[in-house]
N, C-alpha and C. Protein backbone atom coordinates (compact mmCIF):
# COMPACT_ATOMS: atom_id res chain seq x y z
N MET A 1 108.56 4.89 193.47
CA MET A 1 108.60 5.52 195.01
C MET A 1 108.82 4.84 196.15
N GLU A 2 109.35 5.03 196.99
CA GLU A 2 110.17 4.27 197.87
C GLU A 2 108.66 3.94 198.69
N TYR A 3 108.06 5.02 199.13
CA TYR A 3 107.06 5.26 200.26
C TYR A 3 105.80 5.94 199.50
N PRO A 4 105.07 4.78 198.81
CA PRO A 4 103.88 5.63 197.77
C PRO A 4 102.93 5.73 198.94
N THR A 5 102.76 5.22 200.14
CA THR A 5 101.63 5.92 200.65
C THR A 5 101.72 6.89 201.60
N SER A 6 102.87 7.71 201.53
CA SER A 6 103.26 8.63 202.39
C SER A 6 103.58 9.84 201.31
N ALA A 7 103.26 9.90 200.07
CA ALA A 7 103.57 10.94 199.02
C ALA A 7 102.30 11.29 198.71
N GLY A 8 101.75 12.72 198.45
CA GLY A 8 101.07 13.68 198.07
C GLY A 8 99.96 13.63 199.52
N PHE A 9 98.68 13.63 199.06
CA PHE A 9 97.92 13.97 200.08
C PHE A 9 96.38 12.98 199.98
N LEU A 10 95.80 12.83 200.59
CA LEU A 10 94.70 12.10 200.73
C LEU A 10 93.23 12.68 200.17
N VAL A 11 92.61 11.95 199.11
CA VAL A 11 91.57 12.68 198.70
C VAL A 11 90.35 11.55 198.60
N GLY A 12 90.80 10.53 199.17
CA GLY A 12 89.61 9.35 199.39
C GLY A 12 89.71 8.73 200.21
N LYS A 13 89.23 7.41 200.66
CA LYS A 13 89.90 6.43 201.49
C LYS A 13 91.33 5.94 201.48
N ARG A 14 91.25 5.43 200.23
CA ARG A 14 92.71 4.64 199.80
C ARG A 14 93.39 5.74 198.87
N SER A 15 92.42 6.55 198.01
CA SER A 15 93.16 7.61 197.04
C SER A 15 94.37 8.58 197.81
N ARG A 16 95.52 8.63 196.54
CA ARG A 16 95.84 9.83 197.16
C ARG A 16 96.38 10.34 196.03
N LYS A 17 96.65 12.17 195.99
CA LYS A 17 96.97 12.77 194.83
C LYS A 17 98.29 14.20 195.21
N ILE A 18 99.05 13.84 193.94
CA ILE A 18 100.62 14.69 193.79
C ILE A 18 100.85 15.25 192.84
N LEU A 19 100.57 16.59 193.36
CA LEU A 19 100.76 18.04 192.34
C LEU A 19 101.57 17.54 191.41
N LEU A 20 101.54 18.10 190.23
CA LEU A 20 102.58 17.91 189.19
C LEU A 20 103.17 19.36 188.89
N THR A 21 103.34 20.00 189.80
CA THR A 21 104.52 21.15 189.48
C THR A 21 105.20 21.19 188.42
N PRO A 22 105.57 22.39 187.61
CA PRO A 22 104.99 23.28 187.37
C PRO A 22 103.90 23.54 186.53
N TYR A 23 103.06 22.02 186.27
CA TYR A 23 102.04 22.07 185.59
C TYR A 23 100.42 22.06 186.00
N ARG A 24 99.82 22.30 185.59
CA ARG A 24 98.39 22.14 186.18
C ARG A 24 97.59 20.54 186.38
N TYR A 25 98.85 19.69 186.83
CA TYR A 25 98.04 18.34 186.36
C TYR A 25 98.19 17.86 188.03
N GLY A 26 97.14 17.33 188.21
CA GLY A 26 97.67 15.85 189.51
C GLY A 26 97.07 14.69 189.46
N LEU A 27 98.24 13.67 189.79
CA LEU A 27 98.23 12.31 189.73
C LEU A 27 97.46 11.66 190.90
N ILE A 28 96.40 11.13 190.53
CA ILE A 28 95.72 10.27 191.17
C ILE A 28 96.09 8.76 191.45
N TYR A 29 96.24 8.23 192.64
CA TYR A 29 96.63 6.94 192.95
C TYR A 29 96.17 6.40 194.17
N PHE A 30 96.14 4.82 193.79
CA PHE A 30 96.17 3.96 195.58
C PHE A 30 97.48 2.73 194.85
N THR A 31 97.45 2.32 196.21
CA THR A 31 98.19 1.27 196.27
C THR A 31 97.40 0.02 196.75
N HIS A 32 97.54 -1.02 196.49
CA HIS A 32 97.07 -2.44 196.69
C HIS A 32 98.39 -3.26 197.07
N GLY A 33 98.62 -3.90 197.85
CA GLY A 33 99.96 -4.84 197.97
C GLY A 33 101.28 -4.19 197.77
N SER A 34 102.00 -4.80 196.54
CA SER A 34 103.17 -3.90 196.15
C SER A 34 103.19 -3.51 194.68
N PHE A 35 101.19 -3.23 194.62
CA PHE A 35 100.91 -2.38 193.33
C PHE A 35 100.65 -0.90 193.11
N LEU A 36 101.25 -0.04 192.67
CA LEU A 36 100.43 1.23 192.46
C LEU A 36 99.96 0.89 191.45
N TYR A 37 98.67 1.79 191.46
CA TYR A 37 97.82 2.09 190.46
C TYR A 37 97.26 3.32 190.11
N ILE A 38 97.05 3.89 189.11
CA ILE A 38 97.21 5.25 188.66
C ILE A 38 96.23 5.25 187.97
N VAL A 39 95.15 6.19 188.90
CA VAL A 39 93.85 6.19 188.25
C VAL A 39 93.66 7.55 187.08
N ALA A 40 94.31 8.53 187.70
CA ALA A 40 93.88 9.53 186.51
C ALA A 40 94.72 10.85 186.78
N ILE A 41 95.70 10.99 185.46
CA ILE A 41 96.09 12.38 185.64
C ILE A 41 95.30 13.52 185.26
N ALA A 42 94.71 14.19 186.71
CA ALA A 42 94.01 14.99 186.02
C ALA A 42 93.88 16.24 186.28
N PRO A 43 93.57 17.53 185.03
CA PRO A 43 94.03 18.51 185.35
C PRO A 43 92.84 19.56 186.67
N ASN A 44 93.89 20.23 187.27
CA ASN A 44 93.62 20.85 188.49
C ASN A 44 92.21 21.53 188.48
N ARG A 45 91.90 22.16 187.34
CA ARG A 45 90.35 22.86 186.62
C ARG A 45 89.27 21.86 186.93
N LYS A 46 89.45 20.36 186.69
CA LYS A 46 88.49 19.52 187.08
C LYS A 46 87.40 19.67 187.93
N PRO A 47 86.36 19.25 187.63
CA PRO A 47 85.68 19.56 189.40
C PRO A 47 86.31 17.87 190.35
N PRO A 48 86.57 18.31 191.83
CA PRO A 48 86.79 17.41 192.49
C PRO A 48 86.24 15.83 192.82
N HIS A 49 86.94 15.09 192.32
CA HIS A 49 86.76 13.78 192.50
C HIS A 49 85.92 13.44 191.39
N TYR A 50 85.57 13.86 190.41
CA TYR A 50 85.31 13.42 188.98
C TYR A 50 85.32 12.26 188.62
N TRP A 51 86.80 11.41 189.16
CA TRP A 51 87.46 10.45 188.66
C TRP A 51 87.18 9.21 189.33
N LYS A 52 86.44 9.53 190.57
CA LYS A 52 86.13 8.48 191.66
C LYS A 52 84.96 7.11 190.70
N ARG A 53 84.24 7.34 189.77
CA ARG A 53 83.65 6.67 189.34
C ARG A 53 84.53 5.51 188.74
N ARG A 54 85.87 5.58 188.39
CA ARG A 54 87.13 4.71 187.97
C ARG A 54 86.96 3.55 188.70
N ILE A 55 87.14 3.99 189.87
CA ILE A 55 87.32 2.80 191.16
C ILE A 55 85.87 2.74 192.08
N LYS A 56 86.19 1.19 192.41
CA LYS A 56 85.62 1.10 193.80
C LYS A 56 86.17 1.34 194.87
N ASN A 57 85.57 1.93 195.98
CA ASN A 57 86.09 2.05 197.22
C ASN A 57 87.40 3.50 197.09
N ALA A 58 86.84 4.19 196.70
CA ALA A 58 87.98 5.17 196.01
C ALA A 58 88.25 6.08 197.00
């Protein structure tokens, strides 16, 4: 991913979500320095932000 901070949309302070079309999932991630961390591959049916307990300052 060349510009990871511009892909998807914000779902927290630092976290972004990319919808995985045609699947009913979203990929939640954040970047720190030159690293990209995948937090969750979440079904779109799950309650919003259920994954936030996995990271601090999401």
